[in-house]
Amino acid sequence: MKDYLTAKELAHELGFSPNYINRLKEQFFIEGVHFIRPFGRNIRYVWPEVKKEINRRTRPSNNTIPMKRGGYCHG
């Protein structure tokens, strides 16, 4: 697996559309951390950092309570 991916390659890895990847770039990803512009306009996503962000957002925080049917209470 390459460390630097295009939006199309990242979309394929994550199972999203390239348009959704662009929305994620605007909302969650930080330039210089999750993506770079090595040649001006050509955006490349940093795969290890994107994976860290996805894992960080999917893990429950310490103050959550697991529920019987698989959800979490964020009390």
PDB file of N, CA and C in Angstrom:
ATOM      1  N   MET A   1       0.850  -1.188   0.000  1.00  0.00           N
ATOM      2  CA  MET A   1       0.000   0.000   0.000  1.00  0.00           C
ATOM      3  C   MET A   1       0.887   1.239   0.000  1.00  0.00           C
ATOM      4  N   LYS A   2       0.551   2.173  -0.840  1.00  0.00           N
ATOM      5  CA  LYS A   2       1.281   3.432  -0.898  1.00  0.00           C
ATOM      6  C   LYS A   2       0.889   4.322   0.277  1.00  0.00           C
ATOM      7  N   ASP A   3       1.785   5.219   0.666  1.00  0.00           N
ATOM      8  CA  ASP A   3       1.494   6.150   1.755  1.00  0.00           C
ATOM      9  C   ASP A   3       0.739   7.386   1.279  1.00  0.00           C
ATOM     10  N   TYR A   4       0.870   7.742  -0.001  1.00  0.00           N
ATOM     11  CA  TYR A   4       0.232   8.935  -0.543  1.00  0.00           C
ATOM     12  C   TYR A   4      -0.756   8.515  -1.632  1.00  0.00           C
ATOM     13  N   LEU A   5      -2.027   8.849  -1.430  1.00  0.00           N
ATOM     14  CA  LEU A   5      -3.086   8.413  -2.329  1.00  0.00           C
ATOM     15  C   LEU A   5      -3.814   9.603  -2.934  1.00  0.00           C
ATOM     16  N   THR A   6      -4.321   9.414  -4.133  1.00  0.00           N
ATOM     17  CA  THR A   6      -5.211  10.410  -4.733  1.00  0.00           C
ATOM     18  C   THR A   6      -6.594  10.253  -4.092  1.00  0.00           C
ATOM     19  N   ALA A   7      -7.491  11.188  -4.365  1.00  0.00           N
ATOM     20  CA  ALA A   7      -8.858  11.095  -3.832  1.00  0.00           C
ATOM     21  C   ALA A   7      -9.543   9.835  -4.346  1.00  0.00           C
ATOM     22  N   LYS A   8      -9.298   9.497  -5.598  1.00  0.00           N
ATOM     23  CA  LYS A   8      -9.915   8.304  -6.184  1.00  0.00           C
ATOM     24  C   LYS A   8      -9.391   7.040  -5.508  1.00  0.00           C
ATOM     25  N   GLU A   9      -8.079   6.966  -5.259  1.00  0.00           N
ATOM     26  CA  GLU A   9      -7.497   5.803  -4.586  1.00  0.00           C
ATOM     27  C   GLU A   9      -7.977   5.698  -3.143  1.00  0.00           C
ATOM     28  N   LEU A  10      -8.038   6.835  -2.454  1.00  0.00           N
ATOM     29  CA  LEU A  10      -8.519   6.840  -1.077  1.00  0.00           C
ATOM     30  C   LEU A  10      -9.985   6.428  -1.014  1.00  0.00           C
ATOM     31  N   ALA A  11     -10.771   6.925  -1.944  1.00  0.00           N
ATOM     32  CA  ALA A  11     -12.191   6.560  -2.000  1.00  0.00           C
ATOM     33  C   ALA A  11     -12.344   5.055  -2.184  1.00  0.00           C
ATOM     34  N   HIS A  12     -11.520   4.475  -3.033  1.00  0.00           N
ATOM     35  CA  HIS A  12     -11.579   3.034  -3.253  1.00  0.00           C
ATOM     36  C   HIS A  12     -11.225   2.276  -1.969  1.00  0.00           C
ATOM     37  N   GLU A  13     -10.189   2.715  -1.260  1.00  0.00           N
ATOM     38  CA  GLU A  13      -9.771   2.057  -0.016  1.00  0.00           C
ATOM     39  C   GLU A  13     -10.853   2.126   1.055  1.00  0.00           C
ATOM     40  N   LEU A  14     -11.539   3.271   1.136  1.00  0.00           N
ATOM     41  CA  LEU A  14     -12.532   3.472   2.183  1.00  0.00           C
ATOM     42  C   LEU A  14     -13.942   3.065   1.775  1.00  0.00           C
ATOM     43  N   GLY A  15     -14.158   2.831   0.484  1.00  0.00           N
ATOM     44  CA  GLY A  15     -15.493   2.468   0.015  1.00  0.00           C
ATOM     45  C   GLY A  15     -16.427   3.658  -0.123  1.00  0.00           C
ATOM     46  N   PHE A  16     -15.887   4.839  -0.365  1.00  0.00           N
ATOM     47  CA  PHE A  16     -16.665   6.057  -0.563  1.00  0.00           C
ATOM     48  C   PHE A  16     -16.482   6.560  -1.984  1.00  0.00           C
ATOM     49  N   SER A  17     -17.224   7.588  -2.332  1.00  0.00           N
ATOM     50  CA  SER A  17     -17.028   8.231  -3.632  1.00  0.00           C
ATOM     51  C   SER A  17     -15.950   9.307  -3.497  1.00  0.00           C
ATOM     52  N   PRO A  18     -15.259   9.634  -4.597  1.00  0.00           N
ATOM     53  CA  PRO A  18     -14.279  10.722  -4.546  1.00  0.00           C
ATOM     54  C   PRO A  18     -14.887  12.054  -4.102  1.00  0.00           C
ATOM     55  N   ASN A  19     -16.150  12.299  -4.447  1.00  0.00           N
ATOM     56  CA  ASN A  19     -16.808  13.539  -4.004  1.00  0.00           C
ATOM     57  C   ASN A  19     -16.945  13.583  -2.494  1.00  0.00           C
ATOM     58  N   TYR A  20     -17.235  12.441  -1.881  1.00  0.00           N
ATOM     59  CA  TYR A  20     -17.345  12.392  -0.429  1.00  0.00           C
ATOM     60  C   TYR A  20     -15.985  12.629   0.224  1.00  0.00           C
ATOM     61  N   ILE A  21     -14.929  12.131  -0.398  1.00  0.00           N
ATOM     62  CA  ILE A  21     -13.576  12.363   0.106  1.00  0.00           C
ATOM     63  C   ILE A  21     -13.282  13.857   0.113  1.00  0.00           C
ATOM     64  N   ASN A  22     -13.698  14.559  -0.922  1.00  0.00           N
ATOM     65  CA  ASN A  22     -13.494  16.014  -0.969  1.00  0.00           C
ATOM     66  C   ASN A  22     -14.259  16.716   0.145  1.00  0.00           C
ATOM     67  N   ARG A  23     -15.451  16.231   0.479  1.00  0.00           N
ATOM     68  CA  ARG A  23     -16.199  16.817   1.595  1.00  0.00           C
ATOM     69  C   ARG A  23     -15.500  16.548   2.921  1.00  0.00           C
ATOM     70  N   LEU A  24     -14.963  15.345   3.076  1.00  0.00           N
ATOM     71  CA  LEU A  24     -14.206  15.036   4.288  1.00  0.00           C
ATOM     72  C   LEU A  24     -12.997  15.944   4.412  1.00  0.00           C
ATOM     73  N   LYS A  25     -12.371  16.232   3.272  1.00  0.00           N
ATOM     74  CA  LYS A  25     -11.203  17.118   3.271  1.00  0.00           C
ATOM     75  C   LYS A  25     -11.575  18.487   3.813  1.00  0.00           C
ATOM     76  N   GLU A  26     -12.732  18.970   3.454  1.00  0.00           N
ATOM     77  CA  GLU A  26     -13.178  20.291   3.901  1.00  0.00           C
ATOM     78  C   GLU A  26     -13.579  20.297   5.376  1.00  0.00           C
ATOM     79  N   GLN A  27     -14.115  19.181   5.870  1.00  0.00           N
ATOM     80  CA  GLN A  27     -14.664  19.152   7.223  1.00  0.00           C
ATOM     81  C   GLN A  27     -13.706  18.615   8.282  1.00  0.00           C
ATOM     82  N   PHE A  28     -12.933  17.565   7.958  1.00  0.00           N
ATOM     83  CA  PHE A  28     -12.179  16.865   8.994  1.00  0.00           C
ATOM     84  C   PHE A  28     -10.676  16.836   8.783  1.00  0.00           C
ATOM     85  N   PHE A  29     -10.249  16.781   7.539  1.00  0.00           N
ATOM     86  CA  PHE A  29      -8.832  16.606   7.278  1.00  0.00           C
ATOM     87  C   PHE A  29      -8.095  17.938   7.338  1.00  0.00           C
ATOM     88  N   ILE A  30      -6.861  17.885   7.824  1.00  0.00           N
ATOM     89  CA  ILE A  30      -6.033  19.078   7.990  1.00  0.00           C
ATOM     90  C   ILE A  30      -4.901  19.031   6.972  1.00  0.00           C
ATOM     91  N   GLU A  31      -4.747  20.121   6.231  1.00  0.00           N
ATOM     92  CA  GLU A  31      -3.656  20.188   5.262  1.00  0.00           C
ATOM     93  C   GLU A  31      -2.320  20.148   5.997  1.00  0.00           C
ATOM     94  N   GLY A  32      -1.405  19.362   5.484  1.00  0.00           N
ATOM     95  CA  GLY A  32      -0.112  19.178   6.124  1.00  0.00           C
ATOM     96  C   GLY A  32      -0.084  17.987   7.064  1.00  0.00           C
ATOM     97  N   VAL A  33      -1.267  17.507   7.451  1.00  0.00           N
ATOM     98  CA  VAL A  33      -1.354  16.324   8.312  1.00  0.00           C
ATOM     99  C   VAL A  33      -1.998  15.184   7.529  1.00  0.00           C
ATOM    100  N   HIS A  34      -3.241  15.393   7.084  1.00  0.00           N
ATOM    101  CA  HIS A  34      -3.993  14.353   6.383  1.00  0.00           C
ATOM    102  C   HIS A  34      -3.840  14.424   4.874  1.00  0.00           C
ATOM    103  N   PHE A  35      -3.510  15.579   4.357  1.00  0.00           N
ATOM    104  CA  PHE A  35      -3.281  15.700   2.915  1.00  0.00           C
ATOM    105  C   PHE A  35      -2.241  16.786   2.657  1.00  0.00           C
ATOM    106  N   ILE A  36      -1.586  16.649   1.511  1.00  0.00           N
ATOM    107  CA  ILE A  36      -0.564  17.614   1.097  1.00  0.00           C
ATOM    108  C   ILE A  36      -0.794  17.979  -0.362  1.00  0.00           C
ATOM    109  N   ARG A  37      -0.170  19.060  -0.790  1.00  0.00           N
ATOM    110  CA  ARG A  37      -0.198  19.493  -2.189  1.00  0.00           C
ATOM    111  C   ARG A  37       1.253  19.564  -2.680  1.00  0.00           C
ATOM    112  N   PRO A  38       1.841  18.413  -3.027  1.00  0.00           N
ATOM    113  CA  PRO A  38       3.270  18.403  -3.342  1.00  0.00           C
ATOM    114  C   PRO A  38       3.651  19.190  -4.589  1.00  0.00           C
ATOM    115  N   PHE A  39       2.757  19.306  -5.544  1.00  0.00           N
ATOM    116  CA  PHE A  39       3.076  20.016  -6.781  1.00  0.00           C
ATOM    117  C   PHE A  39       2.050  21.113  -7.060  1.00  0.00           C
ATOM    118  N   GLY A  40       1.664  21.818  -6.043  1.00  0.00           N
ATOM    119  CA  GLY A  40       0.691  22.894  -6.237  1.00  0.00           C
ATOM    120  C   GLY A  40      -0.737  22.433  -6.066  1.00  0.00           C
ATOM    121  N   ARG A  41      -1.356  21.948  -7.124  1.00  0.00           N
ATOM    122  CA  ARG A  41      -2.776  21.621  -7.086  1.00  0.00           C
ATOM    123  C   ARG A  41      -3.067  20.136  -6.891  1.00  0.00           C
ATOM    124  N   ASN A  42      -2.102  19.283  -7.082  1.00  0.00           N
ATOM    125  CA  ASN A  42      -2.325  17.836  -6.983  1.00  0.00           C
ATOM    126  C   ASN A  42      -2.349  17.395  -5.527  1.00  0.00           C
ATOM    127  N   ILE A  43      -3.533  17.160  -5.002  1.00  0.00           N
ATOM    128  CA  ILE A  43      -3.672  16.766  -3.598  1.00  0.00           C
ATOM    129  C   ILE A  43      -3.385  15.282  -3.456  1.00  0.00           C
ATOM    130  N   ARG A  44      -2.592  14.953  -2.444  1.00  0.00           N
ATOM    131  CA  ARG A  44      -2.317  13.573  -2.076  1.00  0.00           C
ATOM    132  C   ARG A  44      -2.675  13.403  -0.604  1.00  0.00           C
ATOM    133  N   TYR A  45      -3.398  12.321  -0.316  1.00  0.00           N
ATOM    134  CA  TYR A  45      -3.809  12.029   1.052  1.00  0.00           C
ATOM    135  C   TYR A  45      -2.766  11.135   1.704  1.00  0.00           C
ATOM    136  N   VAL A  46      -2.426  11.434   2.947  1.00  0.00           N
ATOM    137  CA  VAL A  46      -1.420  10.680   3.689  1.00  0.00           C
ATOM    138  C   VAL A  46      -2.144   9.520   4.372  1.00  0.00           C
ATOM    139  N   TRP A  47      -2.035   8.340   3.790  1.00  0.00           N
ATOM    140  CA  TRP A  47      -2.801   7.183   4.217  1.00  0.00           C
ATOM    141  C   TRP A  47      -2.611   6.835   5.704  1.00  0.00           C
ATOM    142  N   PRO A  48      -1.404   6.804   6.251  1.00  0.00           N
ATOM    143  CA  PRO A  48      -1.275   6.481   7.675  1.00  0.00           C
ATOM    144  C   PRO A  48      -2.004   7.476   8.586  1.00  0.00           C
ATOM    145  N   GLU A  49      -1.978   8.753   8.245  1.00  0.00           N
ATOM    146  CA  GLU A  49      -2.658   9.770   9.055  1.00  0.00           C
ATOM    147  C   GLU A  49      -4.174   9.683   8.900  1.00  0.00           C
ATOM    148  N   VAL A  50      -4.648   9.374   7.695  1.00  0.00           N
ATOM    149  CA  VAL A  50      -6.087   9.211   7.475  1.00  0.00           C
ATOM    150  C   VAL A  50      -6.592   8.015   8.286  1.00  0.00           C
ATOM    151  N   LYS A  51      -5.834   6.914   8.292  1.00  0.00           N
ATOM    152  CA  LYS A  51      -6.223   5.739   9.085  1.00  0.00           C
ATOM    153  C   LYS A  51      -6.290   6.079  10.569  1.00  0.00           C
ATOM    154  N   LYS A  52      -5.324   6.843  11.063  1.00  0.00           N
ATOM    155  CA  LYS A  52      -5.345   7.249  12.477  1.00  0.00           C
ATOM    156  C   LYS A  52      -6.592   8.064  12.785  1.00  0.00           C
ATOM    157  N   GLU A  53      -6.944   8.983  11.895  1.00  0.00           N
ATOM    158  CA  GLU A  53      -8.131   9.835  12.099  1.00  0.00           C
ATOM    159  C   GLU A  53      -9.404   9.007  12.103  1.00  0.00           C
ATOM    160  N   ILE A  54      -9.497   8.058  11.193  1.00  0.00           N
ATOM    161  CA  ILE A  54     -10.685   7.202  11.138  1.00  0.00           C
ATOM    162  C   ILE A  54     -10.799   6.383  12.416  1.00  0.00           C
ATOM    163  N   ASN A  55      -9.699   5.796  12.858  1.00  0.00           N
ATOM    164  CA  ASN A  55      -9.723   5.001  14.089  1.00  0.00           C
ATOM    165  C   ASN A  55     -10.030   5.859  15.307  1.00  0.00           C
ATOM    166  N   ARG A  56      -9.513   7.070  15.322  1.00  0.00           N
ATOM    167  CA  ARG A  56      -9.768   7.973  16.445  1.00  0.00           C
ATOM    168  C   ARG A  56     -11.243   8.317  16.532  1.00  0.00           C
ATOM    169  N   ARG A  57     -11.883   8.513  15.407  1.00  0.00           N
ATOM    170  CA  ARG A  57     -13.290   8.910  15.391  1.00  0.00           C
ATOM    171  C   ARG A  57     -14.243   7.732  15.599  1.00  0.00           C
ATOM    172  N   THR A  58     -13.797   6.508  15.385  1.00  0.00           N
ATOM    173  CA  THR A  58     -14.701   5.367  15.535  1.00  0.00           C
ATOM    174  C   THR A  58     -14.611   4.713  16.904  1.00  0.00           C
ATOM    175  N   ARG A  59     -13.554   4.978  17.643  1.00  0.00           N
ATOM    176  CA  ARG A  59     -13.420   4.415  18.990  1.00  0.00           C
ATOM    177  C   ARG A  59     -14.252   5.198  19.987  1.00  0.00           C
ATOM    178  N   PRO A  60     -14.950   4.516  20.876  1.00  0.00           N
ATOM    179  CA  PRO A  60     -15.689   5.249  21.904  1.00  0.00           C
ATOM    180  C   PRO A  60     -14.732   5.909  22.889  1.00  0.00           C
ATOM    181  N   SER A  61     -15.129   7.037  23.428  1.00  0.00           N
ATOM    182  CA  SER A  61     -14.292   7.730  24.405  1.00  0.00           C
ATOM    183  C   SER A  61     -14.408   7.040  25.764  1.00  0.00           C
ATOM    184  N   ASN A  62     -13.602   7.468  26.716  1.00  0.00           N
ATOM    185  CA  ASN A  62     -13.570   6.838  28.037  1.00  0.00           C
ATOM    186  C   ASN A  62     -14.852   7.040  28.828  1.00  0.00           C
ATOM    187  N   ASN A  63     -15.623   8.080  28.526  1.00  0.00           N
ATOM    188  CA  ASN A  63     -16.823   8.349  29.310  1.00  0.00           C
ATOM    189  C   ASN A  63     -18.089   7.801  28.646  1.00  0.00           C
ATOM    190  N   THR A  64     -17.957   6.727  27.837  1.00  0.00           N
ATOM    191  CA  THR A  64     -19.130   6.108  27.229  1.00  0.00           C
ATOM    192  C   THR A  64     -19.469   4.822  27.967  1.00  0.00           C
ATOM    193  N   ILE A  65     -20.736   4.473  27.920  1.00  0.00           N
ATOM    194  CA  ILE A  65     -21.220   3.258  28.574  1.00  0.00           C
ATOM    195  C   ILE A  65     -21.732   2.326  27.482  1.00  0.00           C
ATOM    196  N   PRO A  66     -21.175   1.103  27.367  1.00  0.00           N
ATOM    197  CA  PRO A  66     -21.672   0.174  26.342  1.00  0.00           C
ATOM    198  C   PRO A  66     -23.098  -0.266  26.658  1.00  0.00           C
ATOM    199  N   MET A  67     -23.921  -0.321  25.633  1.00  0.00           N
ATOM    200  CA  MET A  67     -25.312  -0.722  25.800  1.00  0.00           C
ATOM    201  C   MET A  67     -25.488  -2.173  25.336  1.00  0.00           C
ATOM    202  N   LYS A  68     -26.568  -2.792  25.766  1.00  0.00           N
ATOM    203  CA  LYS A  68     -26.816  -4.208  25.518  1.00  0.00           C
ATOM    204  C   LYS A  68     -26.848  -4.552  24.030  1.00  0.00           C
ATOM    205  N   ARG A  69     -27.417  -3.706  23.206  1.00  0.00           N
ATOM    206  CA  ARG A  69     -27.583  -4.012  21.781  1.00  0.00           C
ATOM    207  C   ARG A  69     -26.444  -3.471  20.923  1.00  0.00           C
ATOM    208  N   GLY A  70     -25.350  -3.102  21.542  1.00  0.00           N
ATOM    209  CA  GLY A  70     -24.167  -2.732  20.765  1.00  0.00           C
ATOM    210  C   GLY A  70     -23.890  -1.259  20.654  1.00  0.00           C
ATOM    211  N   GLY A  71     -24.794  -0.398  21.047  1.00  0.00           N
ATOM    212  CA  GLY A  71     -24.563   1.048  20.982  1.00  0.00           C
ATOM    213  C   GLY A  71     -23.797   1.543  22.197  1.00  0.00           C
ATOM    214  N   TYR A  72     -23.676   2.853  22.309  1.00  0.00           N
ATOM    215  CA  TYR A  72     -23.000   3.461  23.448  1.00  0.00           C
ATOM    216  C   TYR A  72     -23.841   4.620  23.979  1.00  0.00           C
ATOM    217  N   CYS A  73     -23.842   4.780  25.272  1.00  0.00           N
ATOM    218  CA  CYS A  73     -24.467   5.927  25.919  1.00  0.00           C
ATOM    219  C   CYS A  73     -23.361   6.933  26.211  1.00  0.00           C
ATOM    220  N   HIS A  74     -23.502   8.132  25.678  1.00  0.00           N
ATOM    221  CA  HIS A  74     -22.487   9.178  25.863  1.00  0.00           C
ATOM    222  C   HIS A  74     -22.888  10.073  27.020  1.00  0.00           C
ATOM    223  N   GLY A  75     -23.133   9.487  28.162  1.00  0.00           N
ATOM    224  CA  GLY A  75     -23.653  10.166  29.325  1.00  0.00           C
ATOM    225  C   GLY A  75     -22.658  10.965  30.028  1.00  0.00           C
TER     226      GLY A  75
END
